[in-house]
Amino acid sequence: MSNEKSEAMQAVVDRVSSYQDGAPEGTVEKELRDGFGEAGVEVSDEDVTKLAAAIEAEHGAVSVEQVLAG
């Protein structure tokens, strides 16, 4: 993954995770998809699901590179 794409994805993840604590199920995934679309970043369904699960589990800072590498 390019550094530019990684940075754009991390910015979206940071934004979504900062205000999604306690959000209804499915909200985090929808907000990630919307954010990636706004940023012009293509992210696979599998990766969006992994990131959403990490945000919901961590309730804090989530590293895109760590989540997608594992």
C-alpha atoms as a PDB file:
ATOM      1  CA  MET A   1       0.000   0.000   0.000  1.00  0.00           C
ATOM      2  CA  SER A   2       1.345   3.421  -0.883  1.00  0.00           C
ATOM      3  CA  ASN A   3       2.251   5.848   1.865  1.00  0.00           C
ATOM      4  CA  GLU A   4      -0.256   8.370   0.488  1.00  0.00           C
ATOM      5  CA  LYS A   5      -3.094   5.805   0.567  1.00  0.00           C
ATOM      6  CA  SER A   6      -2.087   4.668   4.057  1.00  0.00           C
ATOM      7  CA  GLU A   7      -2.102   8.259   5.335  1.00  0.00           C
ATOM      8  CA  ALA A   8      -5.507   8.964   3.779  1.00  0.00           C
ATOM      9  CA  MET A   9      -6.944   5.778   5.264  1.00  0.00           C
ATOM     10  CA  GLN A  10      -5.460   6.574   8.689  1.00  0.00           C
ATOM     11  CA  ALA A  11      -6.993  10.054   8.623  1.00  0.00           C
ATOM     12  CA  VAL A  12     -10.445   8.568   7.949  1.00  0.00           C
ATOM     13  CA  VAL A  13     -10.001   5.895  10.636  1.00  0.00           C
ATOM     14  CA  ASP A  14      -8.878   8.519  13.168  1.00  0.00           C
ATOM     15  CA  ARG A  15     -11.848  10.738  12.384  1.00  0.00           C
ATOM     16  CA  VAL A  16     -14.384   7.912  12.598  1.00  0.00           C
ATOM     17  CA  SER A  17     -12.905   6.361  15.743  1.00  0.00           C
ATOM     18  CA  SER A  18     -12.904   9.723  17.541  1.00  0.00           C
ATOM     19  CA  TYR A  19     -16.685  10.055  17.475  1.00  0.00           C
ATOM     20  CA  GLN A  20     -17.997   6.514  17.053  1.00  0.00           C
ATOM     21  CA  ASP A  21     -17.666   5.252  20.626  1.00  0.00           C
ATOM     22  CA  GLY A  22     -20.980   3.601  21.450  1.00  0.00           C
ATOM     23  CA  ALA A  23     -22.420   4.093  17.964  1.00  0.00           C
ATOM     24  CA  PRO A  24     -25.101   1.650  16.786  1.00  0.00           C
ATOM     25  CA  GLU A  25     -23.817  -1.452  15.015  1.00  0.00           C
ATOM     26  CA  GLY A  26     -23.104  -0.778  11.362  1.00  0.00           C
ATOM     27  CA  THR A  27     -22.540   2.943  11.843  1.00  0.00           C
ATOM     28  CA  VAL A  28     -18.758   2.660  12.028  1.00  0.00           C
ATOM     29  CA  GLU A  29     -18.568   0.651   8.811  1.00  0.00           C
ATOM     30  CA  LYS A  30     -20.884   3.074   7.003  1.00  0.00           C
ATOM     31  CA  GLU A  31     -18.885   6.086   8.186  1.00  0.00           C
ATOM     32  CA  LEU A  32     -15.621   4.442   7.089  1.00  0.00           C
ATOM     33  CA  ARG A  33     -17.048   3.752   3.627  1.00  0.00           C
ATOM     34  CA  ASP A  34     -18.332   7.327   3.358  1.00  0.00           C
ATOM     35  CA  GLY A  35     -15.007   8.732   4.530  1.00  0.00           C
ATOM     36  CA  PHE A  36     -12.943   6.605   2.161  1.00  0.00           C
ATOM     37  CA  GLY A  37     -15.240   7.655  -0.678  1.00  0.00           C
ATOM     38  CA  GLU A  38     -14.824  11.335   0.194  1.00  0.00           C
ATOM     39  CA  ALA A  39     -11.045  10.864   0.360  1.00  0.00           C
ATOM     40  CA  GLY A  40     -11.047   9.102  -3.012  1.00  0.00           C
ATOM     41  CA  VAL A  41      -9.454   5.986  -1.530  1.00  0.00           C
ATOM     42  CA  GLU A  42     -10.502   2.525  -2.721  1.00  0.00           C
ATOM     43  CA  VAL A  43     -10.659   0.051   0.146  1.00  0.00           C
ATOM     44  CA  SER A  44     -11.853  -3.549  -0.150  1.00  0.00           C
ATOM     45  CA  ASP A  45     -14.966  -4.692   1.715  1.00  0.00           C
ATOM     46  CA  GLU A  46     -12.797  -7.072   3.739  1.00  0.00           C
ATOM     47  CA  ASP A  47     -10.472  -4.270   4.853  1.00  0.00           C
ATOM     48  CA  VAL A  48     -13.377  -1.961   5.755  1.00  0.00           C
ATOM     49  CA  THR A  49     -14.869  -4.758   7.869  1.00  0.00           C
ATOM     50  CA  LYS A  50     -11.523  -5.388   9.619  1.00  0.00           C
ATOM     51  CA  LEU A  51     -11.061  -1.692  10.367  1.00  0.00           C
ATOM     52  CA  ALA A  52     -14.631  -1.286  11.636  1.00  0.00           C
ATOM     53  CA  ALA A  53     -14.214  -4.281  13.955  1.00  0.00           C
ATOM     54  CA  ALA A  54     -10.941  -2.867  15.286  1.00  0.00           C
ATOM     55  CA  ILE A  55     -12.506   0.544  15.956  1.00  0.00           C
ATOM     56  CA  GLU A  56     -15.458  -1.045  17.748  1.00  0.00           C
ATOM     57  CA  ALA A  57     -13.148  -3.304  19.818  1.00  0.00           C
ATOM     58  CA  GLU A  58     -10.448  -0.773  20.673  1.00  0.00           C
ATOM     59  CA  HIS A  59     -12.540   2.301  21.519  1.00  0.00           C
ATOM     60  CA  GLY A  60      -9.459   4.398  20.783  1.00  0.00           C
ATOM     61  CA  ALA A  61      -6.535   4.773  18.447  1.00  0.00           C
ATOM     62  CA  VAL A  62      -6.446   2.180  15.656  1.00  0.00           C
ATOM     63  CA  SER A  63      -3.468   1.757  13.332  1.00  0.00           C
ATOM     64  CA  VAL A  64      -4.492   1.003   9.749  1.00  0.00           C
ATOM     65  CA  GLU A  65      -1.152  -0.681   9.038  1.00  0.00           C
ATOM     66  CA  GLN A  66      -1.337  -2.928  12.120  1.00  0.00           C
ATOM     67  CA  VAL A  67      -4.947  -3.964  11.530  1.00  0.00           C
ATOM     68  CA  LEU A  68      -4.448  -4.768   7.855  1.00  0.00           C
ATOM     69  CA  ALA A  69      -1.089  -6.479   8.401  1.00  0.00           C
ATOM     70  CA  GLY A  70      -2.569  -8.875  10.960  1.00  0.00           C
END
